[in-house]
């Protein structure tokens, strides 16, 4: 519980801070958000990816609004019963408004009770959070059918170009390829920012939230996953590598990493759900720069770095992504409305040593899934092939990212 006068001071200083903060580069997701709709707009994503900046961009559209950041250390004792006091302070300080902007809402248990009550009174909400499953669970209980969900990632290549005031080229792509898209890191170029970000995610989003004890073990597993981007893993193998005692522990830890948007895992494609569950999964990271700063060998493997960037671009658009592996391998399949609609192979440089392998993997996926065309994404090669009546487009990833 928190005193009303304490809330008043927090509200005033937070409002001053958000209004004085930079509007920043307009994010691609911002244009999709209509805060006049009778739904809660929910923005989820990893820490420091720019969720508060998106709030600032949306706040600009409102003459009157209420703003509160639950990540503020002074709000640590805030409970659901304090929402009424907060509402009173808002009204007393700023008069009537119809839109609430709440940052890192998942820090308050049962927050959805207040939001639902106010939605029923025709109020509007924009909420941010950095934990996917907590938000999903709470949205699914009280706010089913009353919210619109948007995921925010670090900068895409287009957003990076706007942020750095650069033109699209192989030179600007190489910088993005190595640095990633976290705004603070791009601004200050201090690798400790990315090291501390990983520590914060583990400490605040996982250890504290799930009441875990062994933060050292969690950090070791996180570094292991970031070092093995683009590779297959199984929960059983993780159990053995880290002597976890049970496979369920491995499943829980990876689930926590995914919920905090640190990593993603994708299954091998199969028409059988049982096979998908049984087969190894592949690992990808939220950002190339974050992975390179916190892993043992990732930054030296340009092929896997390119594969990770391609995955992130696909993941921004599609939820259902798979890898293909039969006689040969294909890096990514995308599914839309229950049907596989695209196949993508990633190869840093096609040459005489790998050309047949890369083409055969894509060709096999196209034939089995009855697709007419596929794409091979490279660092900077461009071509077009016809193989067994299948069209294969070879394209530089940097052009694909802005197409």
Protein backbone atom coordinates (compact mmCIF):
# COMPACT_ATOMS: atom_id res chain seq x y z
CA UNK A 1 0.00 0.00 0.00
CA UNK A 2 1.21 3.52 -0.75
CA UNK A 3 0.18 6.89 0.74
CA UNK A 4 -1.81 9.30 -1.40
CA UNK A 5 0.65 12.17 -0.98
CA UNK A 6 3.52 9.89 -1.98
CA UNK A 7 1.54 8.99 -5.10
CA UNK A 8 0.97 12.66 -5.85
CA UNK A 9 4.69 13.42 -5.80
CA UNK A 10 5.48 10.40 -7.99
CA UNK A 11 2.74 11.30 -10.49
CA UNK A 12 4.00 14.88 -10.86
CA UNK A 13 7.66 13.97 -11.31
CA UNK A 14 6.88 11.13 -13.72
CA UNK A 15 4.65 13.33 -15.87
CA UNK A 16 7.37 16.00 -16.08
CA UNK A 17 9.89 13.33 -17.04
CA UNK A 18 7.78 11.74 -19.79
CA UNK A 19 6.89 15.13 -21.30
CA UNK A 20 10.54 16.18 -21.35
CA UNK A 21 11.74 12.91 -22.87
CA UNK A 22 12.59 12.71 -26.56
CA UNK A 23 9.87 11.61 -28.95
CA UNK A 24 12.53 9.63 -30.78
CA UNK A 25 12.27 7.79 -34.09
CA UNK A 26 8.69 6.99 -35.03
CA UNK A 27 8.34 3.22 -34.66
CA UNK A 28 6.64 1.19 -37.38
CA UNK A 29 4.19 -0.25 -34.83
CA UNK A 30 3.07 3.19 -33.61
CA UNK A 31 1.16 3.94 -36.80
CA UNK A 32 -0.88 0.73 -36.28
CA UNK A 33 -2.15 1.79 -32.85
CA UNK A 34 -5.49 3.62 -32.63
CA UNK A 35 -5.93 4.83 -29.05
CA UNK A 36 -9.46 6.06 -29.76
CA UNK A 37 -10.75 2.48 -30.01
CA UNK A 38 -12.68 1.04 -27.02
CA UNK A 39 -9.91 -1.48 -26.27
CA UNK A 40 -6.82 -1.56 -24.09
CA UNK A 41 -3.75 -1.16 -26.32
CA UNK A 42 -1.08 -3.50 -24.92
CA UNK A 43 2.57 -3.11 -25.97
CA UNK A 44 4.87 -5.94 -24.87
CA UNK A 45 8.57 -6.36 -25.49
CA UNK A 46 12.02 -6.77 -23.98
CA UNK A 47 13.40 -4.15 -21.60
CA UNK A 48 14.96 -1.04 -23.18
CA UNK A 49 13.58 -1.69 -26.67
CA UNK A 50 11.64 1.60 -26.72
CA UNK A 51 8.22 0.89 -25.20
CA UNK A 52 8.25 4.11 -23.15
CA UNK A 53 9.23 6.07 -26.26
CA UNK A 54 6.19 4.66 -28.08
CA UNK A 55 4.07 5.80 -25.13
CA UNK A 56 5.57 9.28 -25.53
CA UNK A 57 4.70 9.24 -29.24
CA UNK A 58 1.10 8.25 -28.47
CA UNK A 59 0.81 10.78 -25.62
CA UNK A 60 1.52 13.52 -28.17
CA UNK A 61 -1.86 12.72 -29.73
CA UNK A 62 -3.73 13.56 -26.50
CA UNK A 63 -4.34 16.97 -24.94
CA UNK A 64 -5.37 15.40 -21.64
CA UNK A 65 -4.02 12.12 -20.30
CA UNK A 66 -2.87 10.27 -17.19
CA UNK A 67 0.58 8.62 -17.03
CA UNK A 68 2.18 6.31 -14.46
CA UNK A 69 5.33 4.18 -14.58
CA UNK A 70 5.23 1.12 -12.31
CA UNK A 71 8.95 0.46 -12.87
CA UNK A 72 9.73 3.46 -10.63
CA UNK A 73 11.39 2.12 -7.42
CA UNK A 74 9.11 4.42 -5.38
CA UNK A 75 6.12 2.35 -6.52
CA UNK A 76 7.42 -0.96 -5.12
CA UNK A 77 4.65 -1.10 -2.48
CA UNK A 78 1.83 -0.23 -4.93
CA UNK A 79 -1.12 -2.64 -4.67
CA UNK A 80 -4.33 -3.04 -6.62
CA UNK A 81 -6.26 -1.15 -3.89
CA UNK A 82 -4.08 1.91 -4.59
CA UNK A 83 -5.55 2.40 -8.06
CA UNK A 84 -8.48 4.37 -6.59
CA UNK A 85 -6.05 6.73 -4.85
CA UNK A 86 -4.07 7.05 -8.06
CA UNK A 87 -7.25 7.86 -9.97
CA UNK A 88 -8.13 10.55 -7.40
CA UNK A 89 -4.66 12.11 -7.63
CA UNK A 90 -4.88 12.20 -11.43
CA UNK A 91 -8.22 14.01 -11.32
CA UNK A 92 -7.12 16.47 -8.62
CA UNK A 93 -3.89 17.36 -10.41
CA UNK A 94 -4.87 17.32 -14.06
CA UNK A 95 -8.66 17.40 -14.27
CA UNK A 96 -10.70 14.95 -16.30
CA UNK A 97 -9.09 12.81 -18.99
CA UNK A 98 -10.19 9.67 -20.80
CA UNK A 99 -6.86 7.96 -21.52
CA UNK A 100 -4.47 6.21 -19.12
CA UNK A 101 -0.87 5.42 -20.09
CA UNK A 102 0.63 2.78 -17.77
CA UNK A 103 4.27 1.66 -18.11
CA UNK A 104 5.37 -1.87 -16.99
CA UNK A 105 1.90 -2.70 -15.71
CA UNK A 106 2.77 -6.33 -14.90
CA UNK A 107 4.55 -5.16 -11.72
CA UNK A 108 1.16 -4.82 -10.00
CA UNK A 109 -0.77 -8.00 -9.23
CA UNK A 110 -4.42 -8.00 -10.38
CA UNK A 111 -3.97 -4.76 -12.35
CA UNK A 112 -6.50 -6.08 -14.87
CA UNK A 113 -9.33 -5.58 -12.35
CA UNK A 114 -8.90 -1.79 -12.44
CA UNK A 115 -8.38 -1.68 -16.20
CA UNK A 116 -11.53 -3.70 -16.87
CA UNK A 117 -13.57 -1.53 -14.51
CA UNK A 118 -12.41 1.65 -16.24
CA UNK A 119 -12.88 0.22 -19.74
CA UNK A 120 -16.50 -0.40 -18.77
CA UNK A 121 -16.66 3.32 -17.95
CA UNK A 122 -15.51 4.18 -21.52
CA UNK A 123 -11.91 5.01 -20.53
CA UNK A 124 -9.00 4.24 -22.87
CA UNK A 125 -5.74 2.52 -21.93
CA UNK A 126 -2.26 2.10 -23.37
CA UNK A 127 -0.28 -0.43 -21.34
CA UNK A 128 3.30 -1.66 -21.64
CA UNK A 129 4.87 -4.78 -20.16
CA UNK A 130 8.05 -6.82 -20.51
CA UNK A 131 6.69 -10.28 -19.73
CA UNK A 132 4.72 -12.06 -22.43
CA UNK A 133 3.08 -14.83 -20.40
CA UNK A 134 2.07 -12.70 -17.40
CA UNK A 135 0.37 -10.26 -19.72
CA UNK A 136 -1.26 -13.06 -21.69
CA UNK A 137 -2.62 -14.73 -18.57
CA UNK A 138 -4.06 -11.53 -17.14
CA UNK A 139 -5.41 -10.31 -20.46
CA UNK A 140 -7.00 -13.70 -20.98
CA UNK A 141 -8.91 -13.63 -17.69
CA UNK A 142 -10.51 -10.19 -17.38
CA UNK A 143 -9.79 -8.56 -20.73
CA UNK A 144 -10.69 -11.21 -23.28
CA UNK A 145 -11.97 -9.41 -26.35
CA UNK A 146 -11.20 -6.03 -24.78
CA UNK A 147 -7.57 -5.55 -25.78
CA UNK A 148 -5.31 -5.29 -28.83
CA UNK A 149 -1.78 -6.67 -28.44
CA UNK A 150 1.37 -5.33 -30.14
CA UNK A 151 4.90 -6.65 -29.76
CA UNK A 152 7.81 -4.22 -29.89
CA UNK A 153 11.33 -5.37 -30.72
CA UNK A 154 14.60 -3.40 -30.88
CA UNK A 155 14.96 -1.32 -34.06
CA UNK A 156 14.32 -2.97 -37.40
CA UNK A 157 16.78 -2.09 -40.17
CA UNK A 158 14.40 0.63 -41.43
CA UNK A 159 14.12 2.12 -37.94
CA UNK A 160 17.90 1.87 -37.49
CA UNK A 161 18.39 3.87 -40.69
CA UNK A 162 16.01 6.57 -39.43
CA UNK A 163 17.69 6.63 -35.99
CA UNK A 164 21.23 6.92 -37.41
CA UNK A 165 20.14 9.16 -40.31
CA UNK A 166 21.75 6.68 -42.73
CA UNK A 167 20.89 5.55 -46.25
CA UNK A 168 20.25 1.87 -47.01
CA UNK A 169 23.48 0.30 -48.25
CA UNK A 170 25.75 -2.63 -47.56
CA UNK A 171 27.84 -0.30 -45.37
CA UNK A 172 24.95 0.78 -43.11
CA UNK A 173 23.68 -2.81 -43.03
CA UNK A 174 27.06 -4.05 -41.79
CA UNK A 175 26.85 -1.66 -38.83
CA UNK A 176 23.31 -2.82 -38.01
CA UNK A 177 24.36 -6.43 -38.54
CA UNK A 178 26.99 -6.15 -35.80
CA UNK A 179 25.41 -3.58 -33.46
CA UNK A 180 21.77 -4.64 -33.38
CA UNK A 181 18.91 -2.30 -32.61
CA UNK A 182 18.85 -1.28 -28.94
CA UNK A 183 18.56 2.53 -28.98
CA UNK A 184 20.78 3.23 -25.95
CA UNK A 185 23.58 1.04 -27.25
CA UNK A 186 23.45 2.63 -30.69
CA UNK A 187 23.61 6.05 -29.07
CA UNK A 188 26.51 5.41 -26.66
CA UNK A 189 28.32 2.38 -28.18
CA UNK A 190 29.22 1.07 -24.73
CA UNK A 191 29.05 -2.73 -24.58
CA UNK A 192 28.43 -2.60 -20.83
CA UNK A 193 24.91 -1.36 -21.64
CA UNK A 194 24.17 -4.74 -23.26
CA UNK A 195 25.92 -6.67 -20.48
CA UNK A 196 23.87 -4.87 -17.84
CA UNK A 197 20.67 -5.37 -19.83
CA UNK A 198 21.13 -9.15 -19.68
CA UNK A 199 21.81 -8.94 -15.93
CA UNK A 200 18.64 -6.86 -15.43
CA UNK A 201 16.48 -9.28 -17.40
CA UNK A 202 17.73 -12.23 -15.36
CA UNK A 203 17.53 -10.45 -12.01
CA UNK A 204 14.29 -8.50 -12.36
CA UNK A 205 12.24 -10.33 -14.98
CA UNK A 206 13.11 -13.88 -13.95
CA UNK A 207 14.76 -14.33 -10.53
CA UNK A 208 12.53 -11.89 -8.63
CA UNK A 209 9.35 -12.57 -10.57
CA UNK A 210 9.51 -16.36 -10.29
CA UNK A 211 11.16 -16.41 -6.84
CA UNK A 212 14.19 -18.35 -8.06
CA UNK A 213 17.45 -18.60 -6.12
CA UNK A 214 20.27 -19.54 -8.46
CA UNK A 215 20.86 -16.46 -10.62
CA UNK A 216 24.38 -17.68 -11.49
CA UNK A 217 22.97 -20.84 -13.09
CA UNK A 218 20.36 -18.83 -15.00
CA UNK A 219 23.07 -16.51 -16.35
CA UNK A 220 25.13 -19.53 -17.48
CA UNK A 221 22.14 -21.03 -19.31
CA UNK A 222 21.31 -17.68 -20.93
CA UNK A 223 24.89 -17.26 -22.17
CA UNK A 224 24.84 -20.84 -23.46
CA UNK A 225 21.65 -20.17 -25.42
CA UNK A 226 22.96 -16.88 -26.85
CA UNK A 227 26.18 -18.64 -27.87
CA UNK A 228 24.25 -21.34 -29.75
CA UNK A 229 21.90 -19.21 -31.86
CA UNK A 230 20.70 -21.00 -34.98
CA UNK A 231 21.55 -24.42 -33.54
CA UNK A 232 19.28 -27.24 -32.45
CA UNK A 233 18.81 -28.07 -28.79
CA UNK A 234 16.63 -30.34 -26.67
CA UNK A 235 15.43 -29.87 -23.11
CA UNK A 236 16.98 -33.20 -22.21
CA UNK A 237 20.41 -32.08 -23.50
CA UNK A 238 20.14 -28.88 -21.43
CA UNK A 239 19.31 -30.96 -18.37
CA UNK A 240 22.50 -32.97 -18.88
CA UNK A 241 24.78 -30.02 -19.70
CA UNK A 242 23.73 -28.08 -16.59
CA UNK A 243 22.91 -31.04 -14.32
CA UNK A 244 19.41 -29.66 -13.73
CA UNK A 245 17.89 -32.73 -12.15
CA UNK A 246 14.78 -32.76 -14.35
CA UNK A 247 13.73 -31.89 -17.88
CA UNK A 248 10.90 -29.81 -16.43
CA UNK A 249 13.47 -27.44 -14.93
CA UNK A 250 15.00 -26.93 -18.38
CA UNK A 251 11.55 -26.31 -19.89
CA UNK A 252 10.75 -23.74 -17.17
CA UNK A 253 14.01 -21.84 -17.58
CA UNK A 254 13.68 -21.59 -21.37
CA UNK A 255 10.05 -20.53 -20.96
CA UNK A 256 11.16 -17.71 -18.62
CA UNK A 257 13.75 -16.54 -21.18
CA UNK A 258 11.14 -16.55 -23.93
CA UNK A 259 8.55 -14.74 -21.80
CA UNK A 260 11.07 -11.95 -21.18
CA UNK A 261 11.79 -11.78 -24.95
CA UNK A 262 15.46 -12.63 -24.48
CA UNK A 263 15.33 -15.61 -26.84
CA UNK A 264 12.90 -17.38 -29.16
CA UNK A 265 12.73 -21.07 -30.01
CA UNK A 266 11.15 -22.59 -33.11
CA UNK A 267 10.10 -26.20 -33.78
CA UNK A 268 10.97 -28.49 -36.66
CA UNK A 269 8.11 -28.54 -39.16
CA UNK A 270 5.88 -31.57 -39.03
CA UNK A 271 2.20 -32.16 -39.73
CA UNK A 272 2.18 -34.12 -36.46
CA UNK A 273 2.01 -32.07 -33.25
CA UNK A 274 3.59 -34.97 -31.34
CA UNK A 275 6.60 -34.92 -33.67
CA UNK A 276 6.95 -31.16 -33.27
CA UNK A 277 7.08 -31.56 -29.49
CA UNK A 278 9.48 -34.52 -29.62
CA UNK A 279 11.98 -33.05 -32.10
CA UNK A 280 14.77 -30.61 -31.15
CA UNK A 281 14.03 -26.87 -31.39
CA UNK A 282 16.24 -24.07 -32.70
CA UNK A 283 17.31 -20.98 -30.74
CA UNK A 284 17.27 -17.32 -31.84
CA UNK A 285 17.99 -14.10 -29.94
CA UNK A 286 16.14 -10.81 -29.68
CA UNK A 287 19.12 -8.82 -30.98
CA UNK A 288 22.46 -9.41 -32.67
CA UNK A 289 24.28 -6.82 -30.56
CA UNK A 290 22.95 -8.23 -27.28
CA UNK A 291 23.91 -11.78 -28.31
CA UNK A 292 27.41 -10.78 -29.43
CA UNK A 293 28.07 -8.82 -26.23
CA UNK A 294 27.04 -11.69 -23.97
CA UNK A 295 28.11 -14.87 -25.73
CA UNK A 296 31.32 -16.78 -26.11
CA UNK A 297 31.49 -17.16 -29.91
CA UNK A 298 28.38 -15.83 -31.66
CA UNK A 299 29.97 -12.63 -33.03
CA UNK A 300 32.54 -14.64 -34.96
CA UNK A 301 29.97 -16.64 -36.94
CA UNK A 302 28.64 -14.36 -39.67
CA UNK A 303 26.34 -17.05 -41.05
CA UNK A 304 24.44 -17.45 -37.81
CA UNK A 305 24.36 -13.68 -37.26
CA UNK A 306 22.68 -13.26 -40.64
CA UNK A 307 20.28 -16.12 -39.89
CA UNK A 308 19.30 -14.43 -36.62
CA UNK A 309 18.55 -11.13 -38.37
CA UNK A 310 16.38 -12.88 -40.94
CA UNK A 311 14.52 -14.71 -38.17
CA UNK A 312 13.82 -11.43 -36.33
CA UNK A 313 12.42 -9.82 -39.46
CA UNK A 314 10.13 -12.80 -40.03
CA UNK A 315 9.12 -12.90 -36.36
CA UNK A 316 8.03 -9.27 -36.47
CA UNK A 317 5.43 -10.30 -39.04
CA UNK A 318 4.63 -13.95 -38.34
CA UNK A 319 3.99 -15.95 -35.16
CA UNK A 320 4.24 -19.43 -36.71
CA UNK A 321 7.80 -20.08 -37.92
CA UNK A 322 9.47 -23.48 -38.34
CA UNK A 323 12.69 -25.00 -39.58
CA UNK A 324 12.59 -27.79 -42.16
CA UNK A 325 14.74 -30.91 -41.98
CA UNK A 326 14.32 -34.08 -43.98
CA UNK A 327 17.09 -35.31 -46.33
CA UNK A 328 18.23 -31.70 -46.51
CA UNK A 329 17.57 -28.57 -44.43
CA UNK A 330 15.81 -25.27 -44.99
CA UNK A 331 16.15 -22.53 -42.39
CA UNK A 332 12.65 -21.06 -42.19
CA UNK A 333 9.08 -21.86 -43.14
CA UNK A 334 6.27 -19.46 -42.34
CA UNK A 335 2.67 -20.46 -41.74
CA UNK A 336 -0.35 -18.22 -42.30
CA UNK A 337 -3.94 -19.26 -41.58
CA UNK A 338 -2.94 -22.88 -41.12
CA UNK A 339 -0.92 -23.14 -44.35
CA UNK A 340 2.81 -22.91 -45.14
CA UNK A 341 3.17 -19.89 -47.45
CA UNK A 342 6.90 -19.18 -47.59
CA UNK A 343 10.31 -20.83 -47.45
CA UNK A 344 13.59 -19.03 -46.76
CA UNK A 345 17.17 -20.21 -46.79
CA UNK A 346 19.96 -18.09 -45.29
CA UNK A 347 23.55 -18.27 -46.51
CA UNK A 348 26.14 -15.57 -45.84
CA UNK A 349 27.85 -16.26 -49.18
CA UNK A 350 26.89 -18.77 -51.84
CA UNK A 351 29.96 -20.45 -53.30
CA UNK A 352 30.99 -23.68 -55.01
CA UNK A 353 31.33 -25.47 -51.66
CA UNK A 354 27.83 -24.78 -50.34
CA UNK A 355 25.66 -23.89 -53.35
CA UNK A 356 24.27 -27.38 -53.98
CA UNK A 357 23.52 -27.97 -50.30
CA UNK A 358 21.69 -24.66 -49.83
CA UNK A 359 19.66 -25.01 -53.04
CA UNK A 360 18.74 -28.67 -52.37
CA UNK A 361 17.48 -27.82 -48.89
CA UNK A 362 15.21 -25.09 -50.23
CA UNK A 363 14.16 -27.16 -53.25
CA UNK A 364 13.16 -30.14 -51.08
CA UNK A 365 11.04 -27.89 -48.84
CA UNK A 366 9.33 -26.33 -51.87
CA UNK A 367 8.53 -29.72 -53.39
CA UNK A 368 7.20 -31.35 -50.20
CA UNK A 369 5.12 -28.31 -49.26
CA UNK A 370 3.95 -27.65 -52.83
CA UNK A 371 5.32 -24.11 -53.03
CA UNK A 372 6.25 -22.55 -56.37
CA UNK A 373 9.03 -20.25 -55.21
CA UNK A 374 11.50 -19.71 -52.40
CA UNK A 375 14.18 -17.23 -51.34
CA UNK A 376 17.85 -17.51 -50.47
CA UNK A 377 19.01 -14.52 -48.42
CA UNK A 378 22.71 -13.63 -48.53
CA UNK A 379 24.92 -10.85 -47.23
CA UNK A 380 25.28 -9.16 -50.62
CA UNK A 381 24.58 -11.52 -53.53
CA UNK A 382 21.74 -11.24 -56.02
CA UNK A 383 20.52 -13.72 -58.65
CA UNK A 384 17.54 -15.74 -59.82
CA UNK A 385 17.43 -19.47 -60.57
CA UNK A 386 14.96 -21.98 -61.90
CA UNK A 387 15.42 -25.45 -60.39
CA UNK A 388 13.02 -28.28 -61.25
CA UNK A 389 10.33 -25.75 -62.19
CA UNK A 390 10.77 -23.90 -58.90
CA UNK A 391 11.73 -20.23 -58.88
CA UNK A 392 14.54 -19.40 -56.44
CA UNK A 393 15.32 -15.75 -55.77
CA UNK A 394 18.76 -14.97 -54.35
CA UNK A 395 18.65 -11.62 -52.59
CA UNK A 396 20.87 -9.49 -50.32
CA UNK A 397 19.33 -9.52 -46.86
CA UNK A 398 19.69 -5.75 -46.51
CA UNK A 399 17.51 -5.16 -49.58
CA UNK A 400 14.98 -7.73 -48.37
CA UNK A 401 14.78 -6.03 -44.96
CA UNK A 402 13.62 -2.75 -46.51
CA UNK A 403 11.53 -4.19 -49.34
